[in-house]
Amino acid sequence: MKYQTQKLAYPYFIAALALFLVQVSAGVLAGTVYVFPNFLSEALPFSYYSNDSYKRAAGMVAVGLFWSQLLSAA
């Protein structure tokens, strides 16, 4: 790499990319289950997940804040 800061930022970039891909995959799965209600209905009961979406959103914010603090301290 050309600059030392690029080498330092590389693990953070990879982690952010991985988390982004997980979010996109979860969104595609949720959208597919919404459009085709019987898709994975036994393995992934969508009604269970959609009822507590606000709790999941709060949990995601909490986890994001936790990791941001943890990574900034390193």
N, C-alpha and C. Protein backbone atom coordinates (compact mmCIF):
# COMPACT_ATOMS: atom_id res chain seq x y z
N MET A 1 0.84 -1.18 0.00
CA MET A 1 0.00 0.00 0.00
C MET A 1 0.88 1.24 0.00
N LYS A 2 0.35 2.28 -0.55
CA LYS A 2 1.15 3.48 -0.73
C LYS A 2 1.38 4.24 0.57
N TYR A 3 0.36 4.33 1.42
CA TYR A 3 0.47 5.09 2.66
C TYR A 3 0.29 4.18 3.87
N GLN A 4 0.93 4.55 4.97
CA GLN A 4 0.82 3.78 6.20
C GLN A 4 -0.61 3.80 6.76
N THR A 5 -1.31 4.91 6.56
CA THR A 5 -2.68 5.01 7.08
C THR A 5 -3.63 4.06 6.35
N GLN A 6 -3.33 3.76 5.09
CA GLN A 6 -4.15 2.79 4.37
C GLN A 6 -4.02 1.41 5.00
N LYS A 7 -2.83 1.06 5.40
CA LYS A 7 -2.60 -0.22 6.05
C LYS A 7 -3.34 -0.29 7.39
N LEU A 8 -3.37 0.82 8.10
CA LEU A 8 -4.06 0.88 9.38
C LEU A 8 -5.58 0.79 9.21
N ALA A 9 -6.10 1.40 8.18
CA ALA A 9 -7.55 1.44 7.97
C ALA A 9 -8.09 0.18 7.30
N TYR A 10 -7.25 -0.66 6.77
CA TYR A 10 -7.69 -1.84 6.03
C TYR A 10 -8.58 -2.78 6.86
N PRO A 11 -8.21 -3.15 8.10
CA PRO A 11 -9.10 -4.04 8.87
C PRO A 11 -10.47 -3.41 9.16
N TYR A 12 -10.50 -2.12 9.40
CA TYR A 12 -11.77 -1.45 9.64
C TYR A 12 -12.64 -1.46 8.38
N PHE A 13 -12.02 -1.27 7.24
CA PHE A 13 -12.74 -1.30 5.98
C PHE A 13 -13.32 -2.68 5.72
N ILE A 14 -12.54 -3.72 5.97
CA ILE A 14 -13.01 -5.09 5.77
C ILE A 14 -14.17 -5.40 6.71
N ALA A 15 -14.06 -4.98 7.98
CA ALA A 15 -15.14 -5.21 8.94
C ALA A 15 -16.41 -4.48 8.52
N ALA A 16 -16.27 -3.24 8.09
CA ALA A 16 -17.44 -2.46 7.66
C ALA A 16 -18.07 -3.09 6.42
N LEU A 17 -17.26 -3.56 5.50
CA LEU A 17 -17.77 -4.21 4.30
C LEU A 17 -18.51 -5.50 4.65
N ALA A 18 -17.96 -6.28 5.56
CA ALA A 18 -18.61 -7.52 5.98
C ALA A 18 -19.96 -7.23 6.65
N LEU A 19 -19.99 -6.24 7.54
CA LEU A 19 -21.25 -5.89 8.20
C LEU A 19 -22.28 -5.36 7.21
N PHE A 20 -21.82 -4.60 6.23
CA PHE A 20 -22.73 -4.10 5.20
C PHE A 20 -23.33 -5.25 4.40
N LEU A 21 -22.51 -6.22 4.04
CA LEU A 21 -23.02 -7.37 3.29
C LEU A 21 -24.00 -8.20 4.12
N VAL A 22 -23.76 -8.30 5.42
CA VAL A 22 -24.71 -9.01 6.30
C VAL A 22 -26.04 -8.26 6.32
N GLN A 23 -26.00 -6.95 6.42
CA GLN A 23 -27.23 -6.15 6.44
C GLN A 23 -27.99 -6.27 5.13
N VAL A 24 -27.29 -6.22 4.02
CA VAL A 24 -27.95 -6.34 2.72
C VAL A 24 -28.56 -7.72 2.58
N SER A 25 -27.84 -8.75 2.99
CA SER A 25 -28.37 -10.12 2.90
C SER A 25 -29.61 -10.29 3.77
N ALA A 26 -29.58 -9.75 4.97
CA ALA A 26 -30.75 -9.83 5.85
C ALA A 26 -31.93 -9.06 5.26
N GLY A 27 -31.67 -7.94 4.64
CA GLY A 27 -32.73 -7.16 4.01
C GLY A 27 -33.34 -7.88 2.82
N VAL A 28 -32.50 -8.51 2.01
CA VAL A 28 -33.01 -9.28 0.87
C VAL A 28 -33.84 -10.46 1.36
N LEU A 29 -33.36 -11.12 2.39
CA LEU A 29 -34.11 -12.24 2.95
C LEU A 29 -35.45 -11.78 3.52
N ALA A 30 -35.44 -10.68 4.27
CA ALA A 30 -36.69 -10.16 4.84
C ALA A 30 -37.66 -9.73 3.74
N GLY A 31 -37.15 -9.11 2.70
CA GLY A 31 -38.00 -8.70 1.59
C GLY A 31 -38.58 -9.89 0.84
N THR A 32 -37.78 -10.92 0.66
CA THR A 32 -38.25 -12.12 -0.02
C THR A 32 -39.34 -12.81 0.80
N VAL A 33 -39.14 -12.89 2.10
CA VAL A 33 -40.15 -13.50 2.97
C VAL A 33 -41.43 -12.65 2.98
N TYR A 34 -41.30 -11.35 2.88
CA TYR A 34 -42.48 -10.49 2.86
C TYR A 34 -43.28 -10.67 1.56
N VAL A 35 -42.57 -10.79 0.44
CA VAL A 35 -43.24 -10.95 -0.85
C VAL A 35 -43.78 -12.37 -1.02
N PHE A 36 -43.00 -13.36 -0.60
CA PHE A 36 -43.40 -14.76 -0.68
C PHE A 36 -43.52 -15.30 0.74
N PRO A 37 -44.70 -15.17 1.34
CA PRO A 37 -44.85 -15.50 2.77
C PRO A 37 -44.49 -16.93 3.15
N ASN A 38 -44.59 -17.87 2.23
CA ASN A 38 -44.28 -19.26 2.56
C ASN A 38 -42.80 -19.60 2.36
N PHE A 39 -42.01 -18.67 1.91
CA PHE A 39 -40.58 -18.90 1.71
C PHE A 39 -39.89 -18.99 3.06
N LEU A 40 -39.32 -20.14 3.35
CA LEU A 40 -38.65 -20.41 4.63
C LEU A 40 -39.57 -20.20 5.83
N SER A 41 -40.87 -20.45 5.66
CA SER A 41 -41.81 -20.17 6.74
C SER A 41 -41.59 -21.05 7.96
N GLU A 42 -41.08 -22.25 7.76
CA GLU A 42 -40.84 -23.12 8.91
C GLU A 42 -39.52 -22.79 9.59
N ALA A 43 -38.51 -22.48 8.82
CA ALA A 43 -37.20 -22.21 9.40
C ALA A 43 -37.09 -20.79 9.96
N LEU A 44 -37.79 -19.82 9.35
CA LEU A 44 -37.69 -18.42 9.75
C LEU A 44 -39.09 -17.81 9.84
N PRO A 45 -39.74 -17.94 10.99
CA PRO A 45 -41.10 -17.38 11.11
C PRO A 45 -41.06 -15.85 11.08
N PHE A 46 -41.47 -15.27 9.96
CA PHE A 46 -41.35 -13.83 9.76
C PHE A 46 -42.21 -13.03 10.72
N SER A 47 -43.37 -13.56 11.09
CA SER A 47 -44.24 -12.81 11.99
C SER A 47 -43.57 -12.60 13.35
N TYR A 48 -42.76 -13.56 13.77
CA TYR A 48 -42.03 -13.41 15.03
C TYR A 48 -41.04 -12.26 14.95
N TYR A 49 -40.35 -12.14 13.82
CA TYR A 49 -39.34 -11.10 13.69
C TYR A 49 -39.94 -9.73 13.43
N SER A 50 -41.05 -9.66 12.72
CA SER A 50 -41.60 -8.35 12.37
C SER A 50 -42.29 -7.68 13.55
N ASN A 51 -42.74 -8.42 14.53
CA ASN A 51 -43.45 -7.82 15.66
C ASN A 51 -42.52 -7.01 16.56
N ASP A 52 -41.28 -7.39 16.64
CA ASP A 52 -40.36 -6.73 17.56
C ASP A 52 -39.28 -5.95 16.81
N SER A 53 -39.65 -5.35 15.69
CA SER A 53 -38.65 -4.67 14.88
C SER A 53 -38.04 -3.47 15.61
N TYR A 54 -38.82 -2.79 16.42
CA TYR A 54 -38.27 -1.64 17.15
C TYR A 54 -37.23 -2.10 18.17
N LYS A 55 -37.44 -3.26 18.75
CA LYS A 55 -36.45 -3.78 19.70
C LYS A 55 -35.16 -4.16 18.99
N ARG A 56 -35.30 -4.74 17.79
CA ARG A 56 -34.11 -5.08 17.02
C ARG A 56 -33.35 -3.83 16.61
N ALA A 57 -34.08 -2.79 16.23
CA ALA A 57 -33.43 -1.54 15.82
C ALA A 57 -32.67 -0.94 17.00
N ALA A 58 -33.27 -0.94 18.17
CA ALA A 58 -32.59 -0.42 19.36
C ALA A 58 -31.38 -1.29 19.69
N GLY A 59 -31.51 -2.57 19.52
CA GLY A 59 -30.38 -3.47 19.76
C GLY A 59 -29.24 -3.23 18.79
N MET A 60 -29.58 -2.98 17.52
CA MET A 60 -28.54 -2.70 16.52
C MET A 60 -27.80 -1.41 16.85
N VAL A 61 -28.54 -0.41 17.29
CA VAL A 61 -27.90 0.85 17.67
C VAL A 61 -26.98 0.63 18.86
N ALA A 62 -27.45 -0.13 19.84
CA ALA A 62 -26.63 -0.40 21.02
C ALA A 62 -25.37 -1.17 20.66
N VAL A 63 -25.50 -2.17 19.82
CA VAL A 63 -24.32 -2.95 19.40
C VAL A 63 -23.36 -2.08 18.60
N GLY A 64 -23.91 -1.24 17.73
CA GLY A 64 -23.06 -0.34 16.96
C GLY A 64 -22.28 0.62 17.85
N LEU A 65 -22.96 1.16 18.85
CA LEU A 65 -22.27 2.06 19.77
C LEU A 65 -21.21 1.32 20.57
N PHE A 66 -21.52 0.10 20.98
CA PHE A 66 -20.56 -0.71 21.73
C PHE A 66 -19.31 -0.96 20.89
N TRP A 67 -19.50 -1.41 19.65
CA TRP A 67 -18.33 -1.71 18.80
C TRP A 67 -17.56 -0.46 18.43
N SER A 68 -18.25 0.65 18.23
CA SER A 68 -17.54 1.88 17.88
C SER A 68 -16.64 2.32 19.05
N GLN A 69 -17.14 2.18 20.26
CA GLN A 69 -16.33 2.53 21.43
C GLN A 69 -15.17 1.55 21.59
N LEU A 70 -15.45 0.29 21.36
CA LEU A 70 -14.42 -0.73 21.52
C LEU A 70 -13.31 -0.55 20.49
N LEU A 71 -13.69 -0.27 19.25
CA LEU A 71 -12.69 -0.12 18.19
C LEU A 71 -11.93 1.20 18.30
N SER A 72 -12.59 2.23 18.80
CA SER A 72 -11.89 3.52 18.92
C SER A 72 -10.89 3.50 20.08
N ALA A 73 -11.09 2.63 21.05
CA ALA A 73 -10.17 2.53 22.17
C ALA A 73 -8.92 1.73 21.82
N ALA A 74 -9.01 0.95 20.77
CA ALA A 74 -7.88 0.08 20.39
C ALA A 74 -6.75 0.84 19.73
